[in-house]
Amino acid sequence: MALDFSRWHIAELLPHAGDMILLTAVEHCDDDRIVVTAVPHAGTILVDEHGVLPAWIGIEYMAQAIACFAGVHERARGAAPKVGFLLGTRSYDSKVAVFALDKPLWISAQKQYQESNGLGAFLCRIEDETGLLVEASINVFEPPELETYLSGQQS
Protein backbone atom coordinates (compact mmCIF):
# COMPACT_ATOMS: atom_id res chain seq x y z
CA MET A 1 0.00 0.00 0.00
CA ALA A 2 1.40 3.41 -0.98
CA LEU A 3 2.04 5.79 1.90
CA ASP A 4 1.28 9.53 1.86
CA PHE A 5 4.75 11.06 2.14
CA SER A 6 3.86 14.37 0.47
CA ARG A 7 3.22 16.23 3.74
CA TRP A 8 6.87 16.01 4.83
CA HIS A 9 9.92 17.75 3.46
CA ILE A 10 12.86 15.41 2.80
CA ALA A 11 14.72 16.90 5.80
CA GLU A 12 11.86 15.76 8.07
CA LEU A 13 12.31 12.15 6.93
CA LEU A 14 16.04 11.76 7.50
CA PRO A 15 18.16 11.80 10.65
CA HIS A 16 20.66 13.95 8.70
CA ALA A 17 21.16 17.70 8.59
CA GLY A 18 22.50 20.41 6.33
CA ASP A 19 24.86 19.44 3.53
CA MET A 20 24.67 15.75 4.42
CA ILE A 21 21.12 15.55 3.07
CA LEU A 22 21.86 14.31 -0.44
CA LEU A 23 18.32 13.48 -1.51
CA THR A 24 15.94 15.86 -3.24
CA ALA A 25 12.51 14.24 -2.99
CA VAL A 26 10.51 11.08 -2.40
CA GLU A 27 8.84 9.83 -5.57
CA HIS A 28 7.15 6.69 -4.17
CA CYS A 29 6.97 4.79 -0.89
CA ASP A 30 4.98 1.74 0.11
CA ASP A 31 5.32 -1.07 2.66
CA ASP A 32 8.34 -2.61 0.92
CA ARG A 33 9.91 -0.08 -1.44
CA ILE A 34 10.94 3.54 -1.80
CA VAL A 35 12.07 5.60 -4.79
CA VAL A 36 13.83 8.92 -4.16
CA THR A 37 15.61 11.44 -6.34
CA ALA A 38 18.88 13.28 -6.01
CA VAL A 39 20.55 15.85 -8.25
CA PRO A 40 24.27 16.08 -7.47
CA HIS A 41 25.83 19.51 -8.01
CA ALA A 42 29.36 20.88 -8.11
CA GLY A 43 30.36 22.41 -4.80
CA THR A 44 28.41 19.95 -2.68
CA ILE A 45 30.12 18.07 0.10
CA LEU A 46 30.91 14.79 -1.71
CA VAL A 47 32.00 16.24 -5.05
CA ASP A 48 35.80 16.31 -5.11
CA GLU A 49 38.07 19.27 -5.91
CA HIS A 50 38.04 18.27 -9.61
CA GLY A 51 34.25 18.44 -9.81
CA VAL A 52 33.87 14.65 -9.82
CA LEU A 53 31.36 12.58 -7.87
CA PRO A 54 32.81 9.03 -7.73
CA ALA A 55 30.29 6.22 -8.16
CA TRP A 56 31.34 4.63 -4.86
CA ILE A 57 29.47 7.53 -3.19
CA GLY A 58 26.37 5.71 -4.39
CA ILE A 59 26.39 3.65 -1.21
CA GLU A 60 25.58 6.83 0.74
CA TYR A 61 22.71 7.62 -1.65
CA MET A 62 21.42 4.08 -1.07
CA ALA A 63 21.81 4.37 2.71
CA GLN A 64 19.89 7.65 2.69
CA ALA A 65 17.12 6.07 0.58
CA ILE A 66 16.80 3.34 3.22
CA ALA A 67 16.84 5.94 6.01
CA CYS A 68 14.14 7.85 4.15
CA PHE A 69 12.09 4.63 3.85
CA ALA A 70 12.33 4.21 7.62
CA GLY A 71 11.59 7.92 8.12
CA VAL A 72 8.38 7.79 6.09
CA HIS A 73 7.21 4.78 8.11
CA GLU A 74 8.12 6.46 11.43
CA ARG A 75 6.36 9.72 10.45
CA ALA A 76 3.29 7.75 9.37
CA ARG A 77 3.19 6.34 12.94
CA GLY A 78 3.56 9.84 14.39
CA ALA A 79 7.22 9.41 15.41
CA ALA A 80 10.47 11.09 14.42
CA PRO A 81 13.02 9.33 12.19
CA LYS A 82 15.44 7.10 14.07
CA VAL A 83 19.19 6.77 13.68
CA GLY A 84 20.28 3.64 11.83
CA PHE A 85 23.60 2.18 10.80
CA LEU A 86 24.93 1.02 7.45
CA LEU A 87 26.51 -2.36 8.18
CA GLY A 88 27.84 -3.10 4.73
CA THR A 89 27.13 -4.17 1.22
CA ARG A 90 27.48 -7.24 -0.90
CA SER A 91 28.30 -7.07 -4.59
CA TYR A 92 28.30 -3.31 -5.15
CA ASP A 93 28.02 -3.45 -8.94
CA SER A 94 28.68 -0.12 -10.63
CA LYS A 95 28.40 0.30 -14.38
CA VAL A 96 29.99 3.78 -14.17
CA ALA A 97 33.05 5.30 -12.51
CA VAL A 98 31.41 8.66 -11.75
CA PHE A 99 27.95 10.19 -11.55
CA ALA A 100 27.08 13.05 -13.88
CA LEU A 101 26.50 16.37 -12.16
CA ASP A 102 23.26 18.35 -12.53
CA LYS A 103 21.38 15.27 -13.81
CA PRO A 104 18.70 13.55 -11.74
CA LEU A 105 19.37 10.17 -10.16
CA TRP A 106 16.59 7.82 -9.08
CA ILE A 107 17.52 5.69 -6.08
CA SER A 108 15.30 2.77 -5.15
CA ALA A 109 15.45 0.50 -2.12
CA GLN A 110 13.44 -2.73 -2.03
CA LYS A 111 13.14 -4.36 1.37
CA GLN A 112 14.45 -7.93 1.32
CA TYR A 113 13.91 -8.46 5.03
CA GLN A 114 13.55 -6.45 8.21
CA GLU A 115 13.79 -8.23 11.56
CA SER A 116 12.28 -7.06 14.85
CA ASN A 117 15.80 -6.76 16.32
CA GLY A 118 16.58 -3.98 13.83
CA LEU A 119 18.57 -5.92 11.22
CA GLY A 120 17.52 -5.48 7.63
CA ALA A 121 18.61 -5.83 4.03
CA PHE A 122 17.55 -3.88 0.96
CA LEU A 123 18.21 -4.36 -2.74
CA CYS A 124 19.13 -0.91 -4.02
CA ARG A 125 19.49 0.57 -7.48
CA ILE A 126 20.65 3.92 -8.81
CA GLU A 127 19.40 4.89 -12.25
CA ASP A 128 19.46 7.92 -14.49
CA GLU A 129 17.74 8.64 -17.79
CA THR A 130 20.04 6.13 -19.52
CA GLY A 131 19.18 3.24 -17.20
CA LEU A 132 20.84 1.27 -14.41
CA LEU A 133 24.07 2.74 -13.02
CA VAL A 134 24.61 0.88 -9.73
CA GLU A 135 23.05 -2.08 -7.93
CA ALA A 136 23.83 -3.44 -4.46
CA SER A 137 22.42 -5.31 -1.51
CA ILE A 138 22.70 -3.10 1.58
CA ASN A 139 22.65 -4.43 5.14
CA VAL A 140 21.45 -2.05 7.85
CA PHE A 141 20.76 -1.97 11.57
CA GLU A 142 18.29 0.25 13.40
CA PRO A 143 18.57 -0.47 17.13
CA PRO A 144 15.18 -0.53 18.88
CA GLU A 145 16.62 1.63 21.69
CA LEU A 146 19.48 3.79 20.40
CA GLU A 147 20.68 5.15 23.77
CA THR A 148 20.72 1.68 25.29
CA TYR A 149 22.59 0.31 22.29
CA LEU A 150 25.18 3.11 22.33
CA SER A 151 25.79 2.67 26.05
CA GLY A 152 26.46 -1.03 25.49
CA GLN A 153 23.73 -2.13 27.89
CA GLN A 154 21.48 -3.98 25.44
CA SER A 155 20.28 -7.42 26.46
C-alpha atoms as a PDB file:
ATOM      1  CA  MET A   1       0.000   0.000   0.000  1.00  0.00           C
ATOM      2  CA  ALA A   2       1.397   3.407  -0.981  1.00  0.00           C
ATOM      3  CA  LEU A   3       2.036   5.790   1.899  1.00  0.00           C
ATOM      4  CA  ASP A   4       1.282   9.525   1.861  1.00  0.00           C
ATOM      5  CA  PHE A   5       4.746  11.060   2.143  1.00  0.00           C
ATOM      6  CA  SER A   6       3.857  14.372   0.471  1.00  0.00           C
ATOM      7  CA  ARG A   7       3.219  16.228   3.741  1.00  0.00           C
ATOM      8  CA  TRP A   8       6.872  16.007   4.830  1.00  0.00           C
ATOM      9  CA  HIS A   9       9.923  17.754   3.457  1.00  0.00           C
ATOM     10  CA  ILE A  10      12.857  15.408   2.799  1.00  0.00           C
ATOM     11  CA  ALA A  11      14.723  16.898   5.805  1.00  0.00           C
ATOM     12  CA  GLU A  12      11.864  15.755   8.066  1.00  0.00           C
ATOM     13  CA  LEU A  13      12.307  12.154   6.935  1.00  0.00           C
ATOM     14  CA  LEU A  14      16.044  11.760   7.498  1.00  0.00           C
ATOM     15  CA  PRO A  15      18.156  11.801  10.652  1.00  0.00           C
ATOM     16  CA  HIS A  16      20.662  13.951   8.704  1.00  0.00           C
ATOM     17  CA  ALA A  17      21.162  17.703   8.588  1.00  0.00           C
ATOM     18  CA  GLY A  18      22.496  20.413   6.325  1.00  0.00           C
ATOM     19  CA  ASP A  19      24.862  19.435   3.527  1.00  0.00           C
ATOM     20  CA  MET A  20      24.667  15.751   4.423  1.00  0.00           C
ATOM     21  CA  ILE A  21      21.120  15.551   3.074  1.00  0.00           C
ATOM     22  CA  LEU A  22      21.862  14.311  -0.441  1.00  0.00           C
ATOM     23  CA  LEU A  23      18.322  13.476  -1.514  1.00  0.00           C
ATOM     24  CA  THR A  24      15.942  15.862  -3.239  1.00  0.00           C
ATOM     25  CA  ALA A  25      12.511  14.237  -2.987  1.00  0.00           C
ATOM     26  CA  VAL A  26      10.513  11.076  -2.396  1.00  0.00           C
ATOM     27  CA  GLU A  27       8.837   9.831  -5.566  1.00  0.00           C
ATOM     28  CA  HIS A  28       7.150   6.693  -4.170  1.00  0.00           C
ATOM     29  CA  CYS A  29       6.973   4.789  -0.895  1.00  0.00           C
ATOM     30  CA  ASP A  30       4.978   1.741   0.115  1.00  0.00           C
ATOM     31  CA  ASP A  31       5.320  -1.070   2.655  1.00  0.00           C
ATOM     32  CA  ASP A  32       8.343  -2.612   0.923  1.00  0.00           C
ATOM     33  CA  ARG A  33       9.910  -0.080  -1.441  1.00  0.00           C
ATOM     34  CA  ILE A  34      10.942   3.538  -1.798  1.00  0.00           C
ATOM     35  CA  VAL A  35      12.075   5.599  -4.787  1.00  0.00           C
ATOM     36  CA  VAL A  36      13.831   8.916  -4.158  1.00  0.00           C
ATOM     37  CA  THR A  37      15.610  11.444  -6.344  1.00  0.00           C
ATOM     38  CA  ALA A  38      18.882  13.278  -6.011  1.00  0.00           C
ATOM     39  CA  VAL A  39      20.549  15.848  -8.245  1.00  0.00           C
ATOM     40  CA  PRO A  40      24.272  16.082  -7.475  1.00  0.00           C
ATOM     41  CA  HIS A  41      25.826  19.510  -8.011  1.00  0.00           C
ATOM     42  CA  ALA A  42      29.359  20.884  -8.109  1.00  0.00           C
ATOM     43  CA  GLY A  43      30.358  22.406  -4.799  1.00  0.00           C
ATOM     44  CA  THR A  44      28.415  19.948  -2.679  1.00  0.00           C
ATOM     45  CA  ILE A  45      30.122  18.074   0.102  1.00  0.00           C
ATOM     46  CA  LEU A  46      30.908  14.794  -1.710  1.00  0.00           C
ATOM     47  CA  VAL A  47      31.998  16.243  -5.054  1.00  0.00           C
ATOM     48  CA  ASP A  48      35.799  16.305  -5.110  1.00  0.00           C
ATOM     49  CA  GLU A  49      38.071  19.266  -5.907  1.00  0.00           C
ATOM     50  CA  HIS A  50      38.040  18.269  -9.606  1.00  0.00           C
ATOM     51  CA  GLY A  51      34.245  18.436  -9.807  1.00  0.00           C
ATOM     52  CA  VAL A  52      33.871  14.646  -9.822  1.00  0.00           C
ATOM     53  CA  LEU A  53      31.361  12.576  -7.867  1.00  0.00           C
ATOM     54  CA  PRO A  54      32.808   9.031  -7.728  1.00  0.00           C
ATOM     55  CA  ALA A  55      30.288   6.220  -8.155  1.00  0.00           C
ATOM     56  CA  TRP A  56      31.341   4.634  -4.862  1.00  0.00           C
ATOM     57  CA  ILE A  57      29.467   7.526  -3.188  1.00  0.00           C
ATOM     58  CA  GLY A  58      26.366   5.709  -4.392  1.00  0.00           C
ATOM     59  CA  ILE A  59      26.392   3.648  -1.211  1.00  0.00           C
ATOM     60  CA  GLU A  60      25.579   6.831   0.737  1.00  0.00           C
ATOM     61  CA  TYR A  61      22.710   7.623  -1.648  1.00  0.00           C
ATOM     62  CA  MET A  62      21.417   4.084  -1.075  1.00  0.00           C
ATOM     63  CA  ALA A  63      21.808   4.367   2.707  1.00  0.00           C
ATOM     64  CA  GLN A  64      19.890   7.647   2.686  1.00  0.00           C
ATOM     65  CA  ALA A  65      17.124   6.073   0.579  1.00  0.00           C
ATOM     66  CA  ILE A  66      16.802   3.337   3.217  1.00  0.00           C
ATOM     67  CA  ALA A  67      16.843   5.943   6.005  1.00  0.00           C
ATOM     68  CA  CYS A  68      14.137   7.852   4.149  1.00  0.00           C
ATOM     69  CA  PHE A  69      12.086   4.631   3.852  1.00  0.00           C
ATOM     70  CA  ALA A  70      12.330   4.210   7.622  1.00  0.00           C
ATOM     71  CA  GLY A  71      11.589   7.919   8.124  1.00  0.00           C
ATOM     72  CA  VAL A  72       8.380   7.791   6.090  1.00  0.00           C
ATOM     73  CA  HIS A  73       7.209   4.783   8.109  1.00  0.00           C
ATOM     74  CA  GLU A  74       8.116   6.461  11.426  1.00  0.00           C
ATOM     75  CA  ARG A  75       6.360   9.717  10.453  1.00  0.00           C
ATOM     76  CA  ALA A  76       3.286   7.746   9.366  1.00  0.00           C
ATOM     77  CA  ARG A  77       3.192   6.344  12.940  1.00  0.00           C
ATOM     78  CA  GLY A  78       3.564   9.845  14.394  1.00  0.00           C
ATOM     79  CA  ALA A  79       7.216   9.409  15.414  1.00  0.00           C
ATOM     80  CA  ALA A  80      10.474  11.085  14.420  1.00  0.00           C
ATOM     81  CA  PRO A  81      13.017   9.325  12.187  1.00  0.00           C
ATOM     82  CA  LYS A  82      15.441   7.097  14.068  1.00  0.00           C
ATOM     83  CA  VAL A  83      19.191   6.771  13.676  1.00  0.00           C
ATOM     84  CA  GLY A  84      20.275   3.640  11.827  1.00  0.00           C
ATOM     85  CA  PHE A  85      23.602   2.182  10.802  1.00  0.00           C
ATOM     86  CA  LEU A  86      24.931   1.021   7.451  1.00  0.00           C
ATOM     87  CA  LEU A  87      26.514  -2.358   8.182  1.00  0.00           C
ATOM     88  CA  GLY A  88      27.837  -3.095   4.734  1.00  0.00           C
ATOM     89  CA  THR A  89      27.127  -4.166   1.216  1.00  0.00           C
ATOM     90  CA  ARG A  90      27.484  -7.245  -0.904  1.00  0.00           C
ATOM     91  CA  SER A  91      28.297  -7.068  -4.586  1.00  0.00           C
ATOM     92  CA  TYR A  92      28.300  -3.308  -5.152  1.00  0.00           C
ATOM     93  CA  ASP A  93      28.023  -3.452  -8.936  1.00  0.00           C
ATOM     94  CA  SER A  94      28.677  -0.122 -10.635  1.00  0.00           C
ATOM     95  CA  LYS A  95      28.400   0.303 -14.381  1.00  0.00           C
ATOM     96  CA  VAL A  96      29.987   3.779 -14.171  1.00  0.00           C
ATOM     97  CA  ALA A  97      33.047   5.304 -12.509  1.00  0.00           C
ATOM     98  CA  VAL A  98      31.408   8.659 -11.753  1.00  0.00           C
ATOM     99  CA  PHE A  99      27.948  10.189 -11.553  1.00  0.00           C
ATOM    100  CA  ALA A 100      27.081  13.051 -13.880  1.00  0.00           C
ATOM    101  CA  LEU A 101      26.498  16.374 -12.165  1.00  0.00           C
ATOM    102  CA  ASP A 102      23.263  18.345 -12.529  1.00  0.00           C
ATOM    103  CA  LYS A 103      21.384  15.275 -13.807  1.00  0.00           C
ATOM    104  CA  PRO A 104      18.697  13.548 -11.737  1.00  0.00           C
ATOM    105  CA  LEU A 105      19.366  10.170 -10.163  1.00  0.00           C
ATOM    106  CA  TRP A 106      16.593   7.815  -9.079  1.00  0.00           C
ATOM    107  CA  ILE A 107      17.523   5.691  -6.084  1.00  0.00           C
ATOM    108  CA  SER A 108      15.297   2.768  -5.152  1.00  0.00           C
ATOM    109  CA  ALA A 109      15.453   0.497  -2.120  1.00  0.00           C
ATOM    110  CA  GLN A 110      13.438  -2.725  -2.034  1.00  0.00           C
ATOM    111  CA  LYS A 111      13.144  -4.360   1.374  1.00  0.00           C
ATOM    112  CA  GLN A 112      14.448  -7.934   1.318  1.00  0.00           C
ATOM    113  CA  TYR A 113      13.912  -8.460   5.034  1.00  0.00           C
ATOM    114  CA  GLN A 114      13.555  -6.447   8.215  1.00  0.00           C
ATOM    115  CA  GLU A 115      13.794  -8.227  11.561  1.00  0.00           C
ATOM    116  CA  SER A 116      12.278  -7.059  14.853  1.00  0.00           C
ATOM    117  CA  ASN A 117      15.796  -6.764  16.323  1.00  0.00           C
ATOM    118  CA  GLY A 118      16.576  -3.982  13.834  1.00  0.00           C
ATOM    119  CA  LEU A 119      18.565  -5.917  11.219  1.00  0.00           C
ATOM    120  CA  GLY A 120      17.520  -5.478   7.635  1.00  0.00           C
ATOM    121  CA  ALA A 121      18.612  -5.834   4.031  1.00  0.00           C
ATOM    122  CA  PHE A 122      17.548  -3.881   0.959  1.00  0.00           C
ATOM    123  CA  LEU A 123      18.206  -4.357  -2.735  1.00  0.00           C
ATOM    124  CA  CYS A 124      19.129  -0.908  -4.016  1.00  0.00           C
ATOM    125  CA  ARG A 125      19.494   0.565  -7.481  1.00  0.00           C
ATOM    126  CA  ILE A 126      20.647   3.921  -8.808  1.00  0.00           C
ATOM    127  CA  GLU A 127      19.404   4.886 -12.249  1.00  0.00           C
ATOM    128  CA  ASP A 128      19.458   7.916 -14.491  1.00  0.00           C
ATOM    129  CA  GLU A 129      17.736   8.644 -17.787  1.00  0.00           C
ATOM    130  CA  THR A 130      20.045   6.133 -19.524  1.00  0.00           C
ATOM    131  CA  GLY A 131      19.179   3.239 -17.204  1.00  0.00           C
ATOM    132  CA  LEU A 132      20.840   1.270 -14.414  1.00  0.00           C
ATOM    133  CA  LEU A 133      24.074   2.743 -13.015  1.00  0.00           C
ATOM    134  CA  VAL A 134      24.608   0.878  -9.728  1.00  0.00           C
ATOM    135  CA  GLU A 135      23.048  -2.082  -7.930  1.00  0.00           C
ATOM    136  CA  ALA A 136      23.833  -3.437  -4.464  1.00  0.00           C
ATOM    137  CA  SER A 137      22.416  -5.314  -1.513  1.00  0.00           C
ATOM    138  CA  ILE A 138      22.705  -3.104   1.579  1.00  0.00           C
ATOM    139  CA  ASN A 139      22.655  -4.426   5.144  1.00  0.00           C
ATOM    140  CA  VAL A 140      21.452  -2.048   7.850  1.00  0.00           C
ATOM    141  CA  PHE A 141      20.765  -1.966  11.572  1.00  0.00           C
ATOM    142  CA  GLU A 142      18.286   0.247  13.404  1.00  0.00           C
ATOM    143  CA  PRO A 143      18.567  -0.470  17.128  1.00  0.00           C
ATOM    144  CA  PRO A 144      15.180  -0.533  18.878  1.00  0.00           C
ATOM    145  CA  GLU A 145      16.617   1.634  21.690  1.00  0.00           C
ATOM    146  CA  LEU A 146      19.484   3.795  20.396  1.00  0.00           C
ATOM    147  CA  GLU A 147      20.684   5.146  23.767  1.00  0.00           C
ATOM    148  CA  THR A 148      20.723   1.680  25.295  1.00  0.00           C
ATOM    149  CA  TYR A 149      22.593   0.314  22.287  1.00  0.00           C
ATOM    150  CA  LEU A 150      25.185   3.109  22.326  1.00  0.00           C
ATOM    151  CA  SER A 151      25.786   2.673  26.047  1.00  0.00           C
ATOM    152  CA  GLY A 152      26.461  -1.029  25.488  1.00  0.00           C
ATOM    153  CA  GLN A 153      23.732  -2.132  27.891  1.00  0.00           C
ATOM    154  CA  GLN A 154      21.484  -3.983  25.438  1.00  0.00           C
ATOM    155  CA  SER A 155      20.277  -7.417  26.465  1.00  0.00           C
END
